Amino acid sequence: MRSGLSADAALEDLRRRLVRYAVKLVWNRADAEEIVQEAFKIAASKQQRVTDASFGPWMFRTTGNLCMNLRRKHKSESLSDWVDPPHGQTPFEAASAVERIETLRSCIAALPNQQRIALTLRWIEQFDYKDVAIVMDLSESAVRAHVHQARRQLAIAMRRLDDA
């Protein structure tokens, strides 16, 4: 947990971070909220202690696993419903931006689970490689390899789409 915060504030901060992470994996806020709630229920049933240093990484790993389970069952919702166009953009420019984000999202969704989780934690959630390794229960070098492979595959996929 982050230092300088009360236990309740630190737990709420962790919950918010977990929801943000889950949204980026399942692309549905309601599902993300339910997944995080389920992760906390599992933690309670397994008697995980909030004060343990391993609690945060355990929660991220559990949340990620629950997200991957849900992704196998459901389709994600469209981004166009909750992406606001920046001021000064024409409707065409805004639609193009949403389309590009949708394309990137679909390319990320096509990545193998380990690469998708590593990429999301490292790039989007801004975790250090060491922290991603703890969450994923892998070595730092394995995490670096997953992130590198994911970035390479995304670059190739996006280049292919730009050429089309």
N, C-alpha and C. Protein backbone atom coordinates (compact mmCIF):
# COMPACT_ATOMS: atom_id res chain seq x y z
N MET A 1 0.84 -1.19 0.00
CA MET A 1 0.00 0.00 0.00
C MET A 1 0.88 1.24 0.00
N ARG A 2 0.35 2.30 -0.48
CA ARG A 2 1.11 3.53 -0.58
C ARG A 2 1.30 4.14 0.80
N SER A 3 2.53 4.60 1.06
CA SER A 3 2.83 5.17 2.37
C SER A 3 2.19 6.55 2.50
N GLY A 4 1.92 6.94 3.74
CA GLY A 4 1.35 8.25 4.00
C GLY A 4 -0.16 8.28 3.96
N LEU A 5 -0.80 7.18 3.62
CA LEU A 5 -2.26 7.12 3.56
C LEU A 5 -2.76 6.30 4.74
N SER A 6 -3.95 6.64 5.23
CA SER A 6 -4.57 5.81 6.26
C SER A 6 -4.89 4.47 5.63
N ALA A 7 -5.17 3.47 6.46
CA ALA A 7 -5.46 2.12 5.96
C ALA A 7 -6.68 2.15 5.03
N ASP A 8 -7.74 2.87 5.44
CA ASP A 8 -8.94 2.96 4.60
C ASP A 8 -8.66 3.67 3.28
N ALA A 9 -7.92 4.76 3.35
CA ALA A 9 -7.60 5.52 2.14
C ALA A 9 -6.70 4.69 1.21
N ALA A 10 -5.75 3.96 1.80
CA ALA A 10 -4.87 3.11 0.99
C ALA A 10 -5.66 1.99 0.32
N LEU A 11 -6.61 1.41 1.04
CA LEU A 11 -7.44 0.35 0.48
C LEU A 11 -8.32 0.89 -0.65
N GLU A 12 -8.87 2.08 -0.46
CA GLU A 12 -9.69 2.70 -1.51
C GLU A 12 -8.83 3.05 -2.72
N ASP A 13 -7.59 3.51 -2.48
CA ASP A 13 -6.67 3.80 -3.57
C ASP A 13 -6.37 2.52 -4.36
N LEU A 14 -6.13 1.42 -3.66
CA LEU A 14 -5.89 0.14 -4.32
C LEU A 14 -7.11 -0.28 -5.11
N ARG A 15 -8.30 -0.13 -4.55
CA ARG A 15 -9.53 -0.50 -5.25
C ARG A 15 -9.67 0.28 -6.55
N ARG A 16 -9.42 1.59 -6.49
CA ARG A 16 -9.51 2.43 -7.70
C ARG A 16 -8.52 1.99 -8.76
N ARG A 17 -7.29 1.69 -8.33
CA ARG A 17 -6.26 1.25 -9.26
C ARG A 17 -6.63 -0.09 -9.88
N LEU A 18 -7.20 -0.98 -9.09
CA LEU A 18 -7.63 -2.28 -9.61
C LEU A 18 -8.76 -2.13 -10.62
N VAL A 19 -9.71 -1.24 -10.34
CA VAL A 19 -10.81 -1.00 -11.28
C VAL A 19 -10.26 -0.44 -12.58
N ARG A 20 -9.34 0.53 -12.49
CA ARG A 20 -8.73 1.11 -13.70
C ARG A 20 -8.04 0.02 -14.52
N TYR A 21 -7.31 -0.84 -13.84
CA TYR A 21 -6.61 -1.95 -14.49
C TYR A 21 -7.60 -2.90 -15.15
N ALA A 22 -8.64 -3.26 -14.42
CA ALA A 22 -9.65 -4.19 -14.95
C ALA A 22 -10.37 -3.60 -16.16
N VAL A 23 -10.68 -2.31 -16.11
CA VAL A 23 -11.34 -1.66 -17.25
C VAL A 23 -10.47 -1.79 -18.50
N LYS A 24 -9.17 -1.67 -18.33
CA LYS A 24 -8.28 -1.74 -19.49
C LYS A 24 -8.13 -3.16 -20.02
N LEU A 25 -8.51 -4.14 -19.22
CA LEU A 25 -8.45 -5.52 -19.69
C LEU A 25 -9.78 -6.02 -20.25
N VAL A 26 -10.90 -5.56 -19.68
CA VAL A 26 -12.21 -6.05 -20.15
C VAL A 26 -13.00 -4.99 -20.90
N TRP A 27 -12.59 -3.74 -20.83
CA TRP A 27 -13.22 -2.63 -21.55
C TRP A 27 -14.71 -2.49 -21.24
N ASN A 28 -15.05 -2.70 -19.99
CA ASN A 28 -16.43 -2.50 -19.55
C ASN A 28 -16.38 -2.16 -18.07
N ARG A 29 -16.81 -0.95 -17.73
CA ARG A 29 -16.68 -0.45 -16.35
C ARG A 29 -17.49 -1.29 -15.35
N ALA A 30 -18.71 -1.64 -15.70
CA ALA A 30 -19.54 -2.42 -14.79
C ALA A 30 -18.91 -3.78 -14.50
N ASP A 31 -18.42 -4.44 -15.55
CA ASP A 31 -17.75 -5.73 -15.36
C ASP A 31 -16.49 -5.56 -14.52
N ALA A 32 -15.74 -4.48 -14.77
CA ALA A 32 -14.51 -4.23 -14.01
C ALA A 32 -14.81 -4.07 -12.52
N GLU A 33 -15.86 -3.31 -12.21
CA GLU A 33 -16.25 -3.12 -10.80
C GLU A 33 -16.61 -4.47 -10.16
N GLU A 34 -17.36 -5.29 -10.88
CA GLU A 34 -17.75 -6.61 -10.36
C GLU A 34 -16.54 -7.51 -10.16
N ILE A 35 -15.60 -7.45 -11.09
CA ILE A 35 -14.40 -8.27 -10.99
C ILE A 35 -13.59 -7.89 -9.76
N VAL A 36 -13.42 -6.60 -9.54
CA VAL A 36 -12.65 -6.15 -8.37
C VAL A 36 -13.36 -6.55 -7.08
N GLN A 37 -14.67 -6.43 -7.06
CA GLN A 37 -15.44 -6.87 -5.89
C GLN A 37 -15.22 -8.36 -5.65
N GLU A 38 -15.24 -9.14 -6.73
CA GLU A 38 -15.01 -10.58 -6.63
C GLU A 38 -13.60 -10.87 -6.12
N ALA A 39 -12.62 -10.10 -6.58
CA ALA A 39 -11.24 -10.29 -6.12
C ALA A 39 -11.13 -10.04 -4.62
N PHE A 40 -11.82 -9.01 -4.14
CA PHE A 40 -11.80 -8.74 -2.69
C PHE A 40 -12.49 -9.87 -1.92
N LYS A 41 -13.57 -10.43 -2.48
CA LYS A 41 -14.25 -11.56 -1.83
C LYS A 41 -13.32 -12.76 -1.75
N ILE A 42 -12.61 -13.02 -2.84
CA ILE A 42 -11.66 -14.14 -2.86
C ILE A 42 -10.56 -13.90 -1.84
N ALA A 43 -10.07 -12.68 -1.77
CA ALA A 43 -9.02 -12.35 -0.79
C ALA A 43 -9.51 -12.63 0.63
N ALA A 44 -10.75 -12.23 0.91
CA ALA A 44 -11.31 -12.46 2.25
C ALA A 44 -11.47 -13.95 2.51
N SER A 45 -11.94 -14.70 1.52
CA SER A 45 -12.15 -16.14 1.72
C SER A 45 -10.83 -16.88 1.89
N LYS A 46 -9.77 -16.36 1.28
CA LYS A 46 -8.45 -16.99 1.41
C LYS A 46 -7.65 -16.38 2.56
N GLN A 47 -8.30 -15.50 3.30
CA GLN A 47 -7.71 -14.84 4.46
C GLN A 47 -6.41 -14.10 4.13
N GLN A 48 -6.43 -13.45 2.98
CA GLN A 48 -5.31 -12.59 2.59
C GLN A 48 -5.32 -11.38 3.52
N ARG A 49 -4.18 -11.01 4.00
CA ARG A 49 -4.09 -9.89 4.95
C ARG A 49 -3.73 -8.61 4.20
N VAL A 50 -4.56 -7.61 4.39
CA VAL A 50 -4.37 -6.32 3.72
C VAL A 50 -3.02 -5.71 4.08
N THR A 51 -2.53 -6.00 5.27
CA THR A 51 -1.27 -5.41 5.74
C THR A 51 -0.04 -6.10 5.17
N ASP A 52 -0.20 -7.27 4.55
CA ASP A 52 0.94 -7.98 3.96
C ASP A 52 1.44 -7.23 2.74
N ALA A 53 2.75 -7.21 2.57
CA ALA A 53 3.34 -6.54 1.40
C ALA A 53 2.90 -7.21 0.10
N SER A 54 2.56 -8.49 0.16
CA SER A 54 2.18 -9.22 -1.05
C SER A 54 0.71 -9.03 -1.41
N PHE A 55 -0.07 -8.32 -0.59
CA PHE A 55 -1.49 -8.17 -0.84
C PHE A 55 -1.78 -7.46 -2.16
N GLY A 56 -1.14 -6.33 -2.41
CA GLY A 56 -1.36 -5.56 -3.64
C GLY A 56 -1.05 -6.38 -4.89
N PRO A 57 0.16 -6.95 -4.98
CA PRO A 57 0.45 -7.78 -6.16
C PRO A 57 -0.50 -8.97 -6.29
N TRP A 58 -0.88 -9.59 -5.17
CA TRP A 58 -1.82 -10.71 -5.21
C TRP A 58 -3.16 -10.25 -5.78
N MET A 59 -3.62 -9.08 -5.37
CA MET A 59 -4.89 -8.54 -5.86
C MET A 59 -4.82 -8.24 -7.36
N PHE A 60 -3.70 -7.67 -7.83
CA PHE A 60 -3.56 -7.40 -9.25
C PHE A 60 -3.55 -8.70 -10.04
N ARG A 61 -2.85 -9.72 -9.54
CA ARG A 61 -2.80 -11.01 -10.23
C ARG A 61 -4.19 -11.65 -10.27
N THR A 62 -4.90 -11.62 -9.14
CA THR A 62 -6.24 -12.20 -9.07
C THR A 62 -7.20 -11.44 -9.98
N THR A 63 -7.14 -10.12 -9.95
CA THR A 63 -7.99 -9.30 -10.82
C THR A 63 -7.70 -9.60 -12.29
N GLY A 64 -6.43 -9.69 -12.65
CA GLY A 64 -6.06 -10.00 -14.03
C GLY A 64 -6.58 -11.36 -14.47
N ASN A 65 -6.48 -12.35 -13.59
CA ASN A 65 -6.99 -13.69 -13.91
C ASN A 65 -8.50 -13.68 -14.09
N LEU A 66 -9.20 -12.96 -13.21
CA LEU A 66 -10.66 -12.86 -13.34
C LEU A 66 -11.04 -12.15 -14.64
N CYS A 67 -10.27 -11.14 -15.00
CA CYS A 67 -10.53 -10.43 -16.27
C CYS A 67 -10.36 -11.36 -17.46
N MET A 68 -9.30 -12.16 -17.45
CA MET A 68 -9.07 -13.08 -18.56
C MET A 68 -10.19 -14.12 -18.64
N ASN A 69 -10.68 -14.56 -17.48
CA ASN A 69 -11.80 -15.50 -17.47
C ASN A 69 -13.04 -14.86 -18.09
N LEU A 70 -13.33 -13.62 -17.73
CA LEU A 70 -14.51 -12.93 -18.26
C LEU A 70 -14.37 -12.67 -19.75
N ARG A 71 -13.18 -12.30 -20.19
CA ARG A 71 -12.96 -11.99 -21.61
C ARG A 71 -13.27 -13.20 -22.49
N ARG A 72 -13.06 -14.39 -21.96
CA ARG A 72 -13.36 -15.59 -22.74
C ARG A 72 -14.86 -15.72 -22.99
N LYS A 73 -15.67 -15.10 -22.12
CA LYS A 73 -17.12 -15.26 -22.18
C LYS A 73 -17.83 -14.10 -22.88
N HIS A 74 -17.29 -12.88 -22.77
CA HIS A 74 -18.03 -11.68 -23.21
C HIS A 74 -17.28 -10.89 -24.27
N LYS A 75 -18.04 -10.07 -24.97
CA LYS A 75 -17.49 -9.07 -25.88
C LYS A 75 -17.41 -7.75 -25.13
N SER A 76 -16.44 -6.91 -25.49
CA SER A 76 -16.30 -5.61 -24.84
C SER A 76 -17.26 -4.60 -25.47
N GLU A 77 -17.51 -3.52 -24.72
CA GLU A 77 -18.42 -2.49 -25.22
C GLU A 77 -17.66 -1.50 -26.09
N SER A 78 -18.37 -0.78 -26.91
CA SER A 78 -17.77 0.20 -27.82
C SER A 78 -17.23 1.38 -27.04
N LEU A 79 -16.09 1.88 -27.47
CA LEU A 79 -15.51 3.06 -26.82
C LEU A 79 -16.24 4.34 -27.19
N SER A 80 -16.88 4.38 -28.32
CA SER A 80 -17.48 5.62 -28.79
C SER A 80 -18.52 6.17 -27.82
N ASP A 81 -19.07 5.30 -26.96
CA ASP A 81 -20.06 5.76 -26.00
C ASP A 81 -19.45 6.53 -24.83
N TRP A 82 -18.16 6.29 -24.54
CA TRP A 82 -17.61 6.96 -23.37
C TRP A 82 -16.29 7.66 -23.63
N VAL A 83 -15.95 7.94 -24.88
CA VAL A 83 -14.79 8.75 -25.22
C VAL A 83 -15.30 10.10 -25.70
N ASP A 84 -14.98 11.15 -24.96
CA ASP A 84 -15.38 12.50 -25.35
C ASP A 84 -14.37 13.06 -26.34
N PRO A 85 -14.83 13.64 -27.44
CA PRO A 85 -13.89 14.23 -28.40
C PRO A 85 -13.24 15.47 -27.80
N PRO A 86 -11.94 15.66 -28.04
CA PRO A 86 -11.27 16.87 -27.55
C PRO A 86 -11.90 18.11 -28.18
N HIS A 87 -11.83 19.22 -27.46
CA HIS A 87 -12.37 20.47 -27.98
C HIS A 87 -11.62 20.87 -29.24
N GLY A 88 -12.33 21.42 -30.19
CA GLY A 88 -11.73 21.89 -31.42
C GLY A 88 -11.66 20.84 -32.52
N GLN A 89 -12.06 19.62 -32.21
CA GLN A 89 -12.05 18.58 -33.25
C GLN A 89 -13.38 18.56 -33.98
N THR A 90 -13.30 18.34 -35.27
CA THR A 90 -14.52 18.17 -36.04
C THR A 90 -15.10 16.79 -35.72
N PRO A 91 -16.36 16.58 -36.00
CA PRO A 91 -16.93 15.24 -35.78
C PRO A 91 -16.18 14.16 -36.54
N PHE A 92 -15.70 14.47 -37.75
CA PHE A 92 -14.94 13.49 -38.52
C PHE A 92 -13.63 13.16 -37.82
N GLU A 93 -12.92 14.19 -37.32
CA GLU A 93 -11.66 13.95 -36.61
C GLU A 93 -11.90 13.15 -35.34
N ALA A 94 -12.98 13.46 -34.62
CA ALA A 94 -13.30 12.72 -33.40
C ALA A 94 -13.61 11.26 -33.72
N ALA A 95 -14.38 11.04 -34.79
CA ALA A 95 -14.71 9.66 -35.19
C ALA A 95 -13.46 8.91 -35.61
N SER A 96 -12.54 9.58 -36.29
CA SER A 96 -11.28 8.95 -36.69
C SER A 96 -10.45 8.57 -35.48
N ALA A 97 -10.42 9.45 -34.48
CA ALA A 97 -9.66 9.18 -33.25
C ALA A 97 -10.24 7.97 -32.51
N VAL A 98 -11.56 7.92 -32.41
CA VAL A 98 -12.22 6.79 -31.75
C VAL A 98 -11.95 5.50 -32.53
N GLU A 99 -11.99 5.59 -33.86
CA GLU A 99 -11.73 4.41 -34.69
C GLU A 99 -10.30 3.91 -34.48
N ARG A 100 -9.37 4.83 -34.38
CA ARG A 100 -7.95 4.45 -34.15
C ARG A 100 -7.79 3.78 -32.78
N ILE A 101 -8.47 4.32 -31.77
CA ILE A 101 -8.42 3.73 -30.43
C ILE A 101 -9.05 2.33 -30.45
N GLU A 102 -10.17 2.21 -31.14
CA GLU A 102 -10.84 0.90 -31.26
C GLU A 102 -9.91 -0.11 -31.93
N THR A 103 -9.20 0.34 -32.96
CA THR A 103 -8.27 -0.54 -33.66
C THR A 103 -7.14 -0.97 -32.73
N LEU A 104 -6.58 -0.02 -32.00
CA LEU A 104 -5.53 -0.34 -31.04
C LEU A 104 -6.05 -1.31 -29.99
N ARG A 105 -7.24 -1.06 -29.50
CA ARG A 105 -7.84 -1.93 -28.50
C ARG A 105 -8.00 -3.35 -29.04
N SER A 106 -8.47 -3.48 -30.27
CA SER A 106 -8.64 -4.81 -30.84
C SER A 106 -7.30 -5.50 -31.05
N CYS A 107 -6.28 -4.74 -31.40
CA CYS A 107 -4.93 -5.32 -31.53
C CYS A 107 -4.41 -5.79 -30.18
N ILE A 108 -4.63 -5.01 -29.13
CA ILE A 108 -4.22 -5.42 -27.79
C ILE A 108 -5.00 -6.66 -27.37
N ALA A 109 -6.29 -6.69 -27.68
CA ALA A 109 -7.12 -7.85 -27.32
C ALA A 109 -6.66 -9.12 -28.01
N ALA A 110 -6.04 -9.00 -29.17
CA ALA A 110 -5.58 -10.16 -29.92
C ALA A 110 -4.26 -10.72 -29.37
N LEU A 111 -3.60 -9.97 -28.50
CA LEU A 111 -2.34 -10.44 -27.92
C LEU A 111 -2.60 -11.63 -26.99
N PRO A 112 -1.60 -12.51 -26.85
CA PRO A 112 -1.72 -13.58 -25.85
C PRO A 112 -1.89 -12.97 -24.45
N ASN A 113 -2.58 -13.67 -23.56
CA ASN A 113 -2.90 -13.13 -22.24
C ASN A 113 -1.70 -12.58 -21.49
N GLN A 114 -0.59 -13.32 -21.45
CA GLN A 114 0.58 -12.87 -20.70
C GLN A 114 1.12 -11.55 -21.26
N GLN A 115 1.15 -11.44 -22.58
CA GLN A 115 1.63 -10.20 -23.20
C GLN A 115 0.68 -9.05 -22.91
N ARG A 116 -0.62 -9.31 -22.99
CA ARG A 116 -1.62 -8.27 -22.75
C ARG A 116 -1.52 -7.76 -21.31
N ILE A 117 -1.40 -8.67 -20.35
CA ILE A 117 -1.31 -8.26 -18.95
C ILE A 117 -0.01 -7.50 -18.71
N ALA A 118 1.10 -8.01 -19.20
CA ALA A 118 2.40 -7.33 -19.01
C ALA A 118 2.38 -5.94 -19.62
N LEU A 119 1.85 -5.83 -20.82
CA LEU A 119 1.78 -4.54 -21.51
C LEU A 119 0.88 -3.56 -20.74
N THR A 120 -0.26 -4.03 -20.29
CA THR A 120 -1.20 -3.16 -19.57
C THR A 120 -0.58 -2.66 -18.27
N LEU A 121 0.02 -3.56 -17.52
CA LEU A 121 0.63 -3.15 -16.25
C LEU A 121 1.81 -2.21 -16.47
N ARG A 122 2.65 -2.51 -17.44
CA ARG A 122 3.86 -1.71 -17.66
C ARG A 122 3.56 -0.38 -18.33
N TRP A 123 2.87 -0.40 -19.45
CA TRP A 123 2.63 0.82 -20.23
C TRP A 123 1.52 1.68 -19.67
N ILE A 124 0.38 1.06 -19.42
CA ILE A 124 -0.79 1.84 -19.07
C ILE A 124 -0.84 2.15 -17.58
N GLU A 125 -0.57 1.15 -16.74
CA GLU A 125 -0.60 1.37 -15.30
C GLU A 125 0.73 1.89 -14.77
N GLN A 126 1.75 1.92 -15.62
CA GLN A 126 3.06 2.51 -15.29
C GLN A 126 3.77 1.79 -14.14
N PHE A 127 3.59 0.49 -14.03
CA PHE A 127 4.31 -0.30 -13.04
C PHE A 127 5.77 -0.44 -13.48
N ASP A 128 6.67 -0.56 -12.52
CA ASP A 128 8.05 -0.91 -12.82
C ASP A 128 8.08 -2.38 -13.25
N TYR A 129 9.10 -2.75 -14.01
CA TYR A 129 9.22 -4.15 -14.43
C TYR A 129 9.24 -5.08 -13.22
N LYS A 130 9.90 -4.64 -12.17
CA LYS A 130 9.98 -5.46 -10.94
C LYS A 130 8.58 -5.73 -10.38
N ASP A 131 7.75 -4.70 -10.35
CA ASP A 131 6.39 -4.85 -9.81
C ASP A 131 5.53 -5.71 -10.72
N VAL A 132 5.70 -5.57 -12.03
CA VAL A 132 4.95 -6.41 -12.97
C VAL A 132 5.36 -7.87 -12.77
N ALA A 133 6.64 -8.10 -12.56
CA ALA A 133 7.14 -9.46 -12.33
C ALA A 133 6.51 -10.06 -11.07
N ILE A 134 6.36 -9.26 -10.04
CA ILE A 134 5.73 -9.75 -8.80
C ILE A 134 4.27 -10.09 -9.05
N VAL A 135 3.55 -9.18 -9.71
CA VAL A 135 2.13 -9.41 -9.99
C VAL A 135 1.95 -10.66 -10.84
N MET A 136 2.78 -10.81 -11.85
CA MET A 136 2.61 -11.93 -12.79
C MET A 136 3.31 -13.21 -12.32
N ASP A 137 4.07 -13.10 -11.23
CA ASP A 137 4.82 -14.24 -10.71
C ASP A 137 5.77 -14.80 -11.77
N LEU A 138 6.50 -13.86 -12.40
CA LEU A 138 7.49 -14.19 -13.42
C LEU A 138 8.79 -13.47 -13.10
N SER A 139 9.85 -13.81 -13.80
CA SER A 139 11.11 -13.08 -13.65
C SER A 139 10.98 -11.74 -14.39
N GLU A 140 11.83 -10.79 -14.00
CA GLU A 140 11.81 -9.50 -14.70
C GLU A 140 12.15 -9.67 -16.16
N SER A 141 13.08 -10.56 -16.47
CA SER A 141 13.46 -10.75 -17.88
C SER A 141 12.29 -11.34 -18.68
N ALA A 142 11.50 -12.21 -18.07
CA ALA A 142 10.33 -12.75 -18.77
C ALA A 142 9.31 -11.65 -19.03
N VAL A 143 9.12 -10.76 -18.04
CA VAL A 143 8.20 -9.63 -18.22
C VAL A 143 8.69 -8.72 -19.34
N ARG A 144 9.98 -8.42 -19.32
CA ARG A 144 10.55 -7.57 -20.38
C ARG A 144 10.32 -8.21 -21.75
N ALA A 145 10.48 -9.52 -21.83
CA ALA A 145 10.27 -10.22 -23.10
C ALA A 145 8.80 -10.12 -23.52
N HIS A 146 7.88 -10.32 -22.59
CA HIS A 146 6.45 -10.22 -22.92
C HIS A 146 6.10 -8.81 -23.41
N VAL A 147 6.60 -7.79 -22.72
CA VAL A 147 6.31 -6.41 -23.12
C VAL A 147 6.91 -6.12 -24.49
N HIS A 148 8.15 -6.57 -24.70
CA HIS A 148 8.81 -6.34 -25.99
C HIS A 148 8.04 -7.03 -27.12
N GLN A 149 7.66 -8.28 -26.91
CA GLN A 149 6.92 -9.01 -27.94
C GLN A 149 5.56 -8.35 -28.22
N ALA A 150 4.90 -7.90 -27.16
CA ALA A 150 3.60 -7.24 -27.33
C ALA A 150 3.75 -5.95 -28.12
N ARG A 151 4.74 -5.14 -27.78
CA ARG A 151 4.97 -3.89 -28.49
C ARG A 151 5.28 -4.15 -29.95
N ARG A 152 6.10 -5.16 -30.22
CA ARG A 152 6.46 -5.50 -31.59
C ARG A 152 5.23 -5.95 -32.37
N GLN A 153 4.41 -6.81 -31.77
CA GLN A 153 3.21 -7.28 -32.45
C GLN A 153 2.23 -6.14 -32.70
N LEU A 154 2.10 -5.23 -31.74
CA LEU A 154 1.21 -4.07 -31.93
C LEU A 154 1.70 -3.18 -33.06
N ALA A 155 3.00 -2.94 -33.09
CA ALA A 155 3.56 -2.09 -34.15
C ALA A 155 3.31 -2.70 -35.53
N ILE A 156 3.50 -4.00 -35.64
CA ILE A 156 3.27 -4.69 -36.92
C ILE A 156 1.79 -4.60 -37.29
N ALA A 157 0.90 -4.88 -36.34
CA ALA A 157 -0.54 -4.86 -36.62
C ALA A 157 -1.02 -3.47 -37.00
N MET A 158 -0.54 -2.46 -36.28
CA MET A 158 -0.98 -1.09 -36.58
C MET A 158 -0.41 -0.63 -37.93
N ARG A 159 0.81 -1.02 -38.26
CA ARG A 159 1.39 -0.67 -39.55
C ARG A 159 0.59 -1.31 -40.69
N ARG A 160 0.20 -2.57 -40.48
CA ARG A 160 -0.61 -3.28 -41.48
C ARG A 160 -1.93 -2.54 -41.71
N LEU A 161 -2.55 -2.09 -40.63
CA LEU A 161 -3.82 -1.38 -40.75
C LEU A 161 -3.65 -0.02 -41.41
N ASP A 162 -2.53 0.67 -41.12
CA ASP A 162 -2.28 1.96 -41.74
C ASP A 162 -2.05 1.82 -43.25
N ASP A 163 -1.45 0.68 -43.64
CA ASP A 163 -1.17 0.44 -45.06
C ASP A 163 -2.43 0.02 -45.82
N ALA A 164 -3.41 -0.48 -45.10
CA ALA A 164 -4.64 -0.98 -45.75
C ALA A 164 -5.53 0.12 -46.26
